[in-house]
């Protein structure tokens, strides 16, 4: 989890590969309307995110009850979103890729073909509520090092 540009997809895919788990990207579950809004630089509201969070919570519930084990890359910006995503599953773990805002801006400026660009960074940072109980990782390192740090901290 983390704001746009923190490396959720890149690190999440690498972690899932290392664990031989499935990988899901929460961005793939956004509606076309939400994607168009973000591409236009319009920040999503809680109401906009509600159906998306519902789908993700259902996905997590299925994966926690019947499998397969999954790494989900998701912004999960607010405590209420994380609570919704966790549902009743104590085994859901959140890993926060913590990256300085200046580095996030640099990464977002280099993105191609992604709806969340630099214009939405301030909104993401303003919305973000630092997670209590999440594994906090400095997201500025090399991907293999981040994967190793996550595995050590989460115990996988």
Protein backbone atom coordinates (compact mmCIF):
# COMPACT_ATOMS: atom_id res chain seq x y z
CA UNK A 1 0.00 0.00 0.00
CA UNK A 2 0.96 3.62 -0.43
CA UNK A 3 0.32 6.69 -2.50
CA UNK A 4 0.69 6.85 -6.27
CA UNK A 5 4.25 6.26 -7.40
CA UNK A 6 5.35 4.39 -4.29
CA UNK A 7 6.09 1.20 -6.25
CA UNK A 8 3.11 -0.91 -5.21
CA UNK A 9 2.76 -2.69 -8.54
CA UNK A 10 6.45 -3.24 -9.20
CA UNK A 11 7.25 -4.43 -5.69
CA UNK A 12 3.97 -6.34 -5.38
CA UNK A 13 4.63 -8.32 -8.57
CA UNK A 14 8.18 -9.11 -7.45
CA UNK A 15 6.96 -10.18 -4.01
CA UNK A 16 4.23 -12.38 -5.50
CA UNK A 17 6.80 -13.98 -7.83
CA UNK A 18 9.18 -14.64 -4.93
CA UNK A 19 6.39 -16.21 -2.88
CA UNK A 20 4.86 -18.02 -5.87
CA UNK A 21 1.56 -16.33 -5.01
CA UNK A 22 -0.97 -14.65 -7.27
CA UNK A 23 -0.71 -10.94 -7.92
CA UNK A 24 -3.60 -8.52 -8.27
CA UNK A 25 -3.44 -4.80 -8.95
CA UNK A 26 -6.28 -2.77 -7.46
CA UNK A 27 -6.01 -0.35 -10.38
CA UNK A 28 -7.44 -3.10 -12.60
CA UNK A 29 -10.69 -2.91 -10.61
CA UNK A 30 -11.41 0.79 -11.15
CA UNK A 31 -14.41 1.66 -13.31
CA UNK A 32 -13.90 3.36 -16.65
CA UNK A 33 -15.46 6.49 -15.15
CA UNK A 34 -12.91 6.51 -12.32
CA UNK A 35 -10.02 5.94 -14.72
CA UNK A 36 -11.22 8.79 -16.95
CA UNK A 37 -11.53 11.09 -13.94
CA UNK A 38 -8.03 10.30 -12.70
CA UNK A 39 -6.59 10.69 -16.20
CA UNK A 40 -8.20 14.15 -16.28
CA UNK A 41 -6.51 15.00 -12.97
CA UNK A 42 -9.70 14.73 -10.92
CA UNK A 43 -9.20 13.09 -7.52
CA UNK A 44 -11.62 10.34 -6.56
CA UNK A 45 -13.98 10.85 -3.65
CA UNK A 46 -14.97 8.30 -1.03
CA UNK A 47 -18.21 7.78 -2.97
CA UNK A 48 -16.22 7.15 -6.16
CA UNK A 49 -14.07 4.61 -4.34
CA UNK A 50 -16.97 2.76 -2.66
CA UNK A 51 -17.73 0.23 -5.46
CA UNK A 52 -14.02 -0.29 -6.04
CA UNK A 53 -13.40 -1.02 -2.35
CA UNK A 54 -16.39 -3.38 -2.30
CA UNK A 55 -14.94 -5.37 -5.20
CA UNK A 56 -11.52 -5.50 -3.58
CA UNK A 57 -12.96 -6.56 -0.21
CA UNK A 58 -14.83 -9.36 -1.96
CA UNK A 59 -11.64 -10.41 -3.75
CA UNK A 60 -9.70 -10.48 -0.48
CA UNK A 61 -12.48 -12.43 1.24
CA UNK A 62 -12.46 -15.06 -1.56
CA UNK A 63 -8.68 -15.34 -1.54
CA UNK A 64 -8.54 -15.61 2.26
CA UNK A 65 -11.21 -18.31 2.37
CA UNK A 66 -10.53 -20.42 -0.75
CA UNK A 67 -7.23 -19.09 -2.08
CA UNK A 68 -4.94 -18.86 -3.79
CA UNK A 69 -2.62 -16.76 -1.60
CA UNK A 70 -2.42 -13.30 -3.16
CA UNK A 71 -0.44 -10.08 -3.05
CA UNK A 72 -2.72 -7.11 -3.77
CA UNK A 73 -1.20 -3.77 -4.75
CA UNK A 74 -3.63 -1.15 -3.49
CA UNK A 75 -3.32 2.45 -2.34
CA UNK A 76 -5.53 1.84 0.73
CA UNK A 77 -5.09 5.51 1.60
CA UNK A 78 -7.41 5.73 4.61
CA UNK A 79 -7.80 3.68 7.78
CA UNK A 80 -11.47 3.11 6.91
CA UNK A 81 -10.47 1.70 3.52
CA UNK A 82 -8.00 -0.69 5.14
CA UNK A 83 -10.59 -1.79 7.68
CA UNK A 84 -13.04 -2.46 4.84
CA UNK A 85 -10.43 -4.40 2.88
CA UNK A 86 -9.37 -6.50 5.87
CA UNK A 87 -12.95 -7.47 6.71
CA UNK A 88 -12.86 -10.15 9.36
CA UNK A 89 -9.55 -11.60 8.22
CA UNK A 90 -6.85 -11.07 10.82
CA UNK A 91 -4.35 -12.67 8.43
CA UNK A 92 -4.49 -9.75 5.99
CA UNK A 93 -1.22 -7.83 6.29
CA UNK A 94 -0.54 -4.33 5.05
CA UNK A 95 2.90 -3.29 3.87
CA UNK A 96 3.38 0.47 3.48
CA UNK A 97 5.91 1.54 0.88
CA UNK A 98 6.96 4.87 2.36
CA UNK A 99 8.56 7.16 -0.22
CA UNK A 100 9.41 10.88 0.14
CA UNK A 101 7.08 13.19 -1.77
CA UNK A 102 9.91 14.55 -3.93
CA UNK A 103 10.74 11.02 -5.12
CA UNK A 104 7.05 10.28 -5.73
CA UNK A 105 6.82 13.41 -7.90
CA UNK A 106 9.89 12.35 -9.87
CA UNK A 107 8.47 8.85 -10.45
CA UNK A 108 5.04 10.13 -11.46
CA UNK A 109 6.58 12.58 -13.93
CA UNK A 110 8.25 9.62 -15.67
CA UNK A 111 5.09 7.50 -15.92
CA UNK A 112 3.62 6.71 -19.28
CA UNK A 113 0.11 5.37 -19.91
CA UNK A 114 -1.06 5.46 -16.29
CA UNK A 115 -4.11 7.44 -15.19
CA UNK A 116 -2.54 8.73 -11.98
CA UNK A 117 -0.03 11.39 -12.84
CA UNK A 118 1.75 14.19 -11.00
CA UNK A 119 -1.39 16.33 -10.82
CA UNK A 120 -2.98 13.89 -8.35
CA UNK A 121 0.00 13.54 -6.01
CA UNK A 122 -1.05 16.35 -3.66
CA UNK A 123 -4.53 14.85 -3.35
CA UNK A 124 -3.09 11.41 -2.61
CA UNK A 125 -0.71 12.79 0.01
CA UNK A 126 -3.49 14.86 1.63
CA UNK A 127 -5.85 11.86 1.73
CA UNK A 128 -3.25 9.40 3.05
CA UNK A 129 -3.58 8.35 6.68
CA UNK A 130 -0.40 6.65 7.93
CA UNK A 131 -1.34 3.10 8.86
CA UNK A 132 -1.15 1.82 12.40
CA UNK A 133 0.08 -1.74 12.52
CA UNK A 134 1.35 -1.90 8.93
CA UNK A 135 4.84 -3.04 8.05
CA UNK A 136 6.59 0.20 7.07
CA UNK A 137 9.26 -0.17 4.40
CA UNK A 138 11.47 2.55 2.92
CA UNK A 139 10.31 2.28 -0.68
CA UNK A 140 13.34 3.98 -2.20
CA UNK A 141 15.54 0.90 -2.32
CA UNK A 142 16.14 -1.67 -5.04
CA UNK A 143 13.17 -3.95 -5.68
CA UNK A 144 14.98 -7.19 -4.68
CA UNK A 145 16.04 -5.55 -1.41
CA UNK A 146 12.49 -4.36 -0.75
CA UNK A 147 11.11 -7.85 -1.39
CA UNK A 148 13.66 -9.32 1.00
CA UNK A 149 12.85 -6.73 3.66
CA UNK A 150 9.12 -7.38 3.33
CA UNK A 151 9.59 -11.15 3.57
CA UNK A 152 11.73 -10.75 6.67
CA UNK A 153 9.29 -8.37 8.36
CA UNK A 154 6.12 -10.27 7.42
CA UNK A 155 7.61 -13.71 7.98
CA UNK A 156 7.03 -15.27 4.53
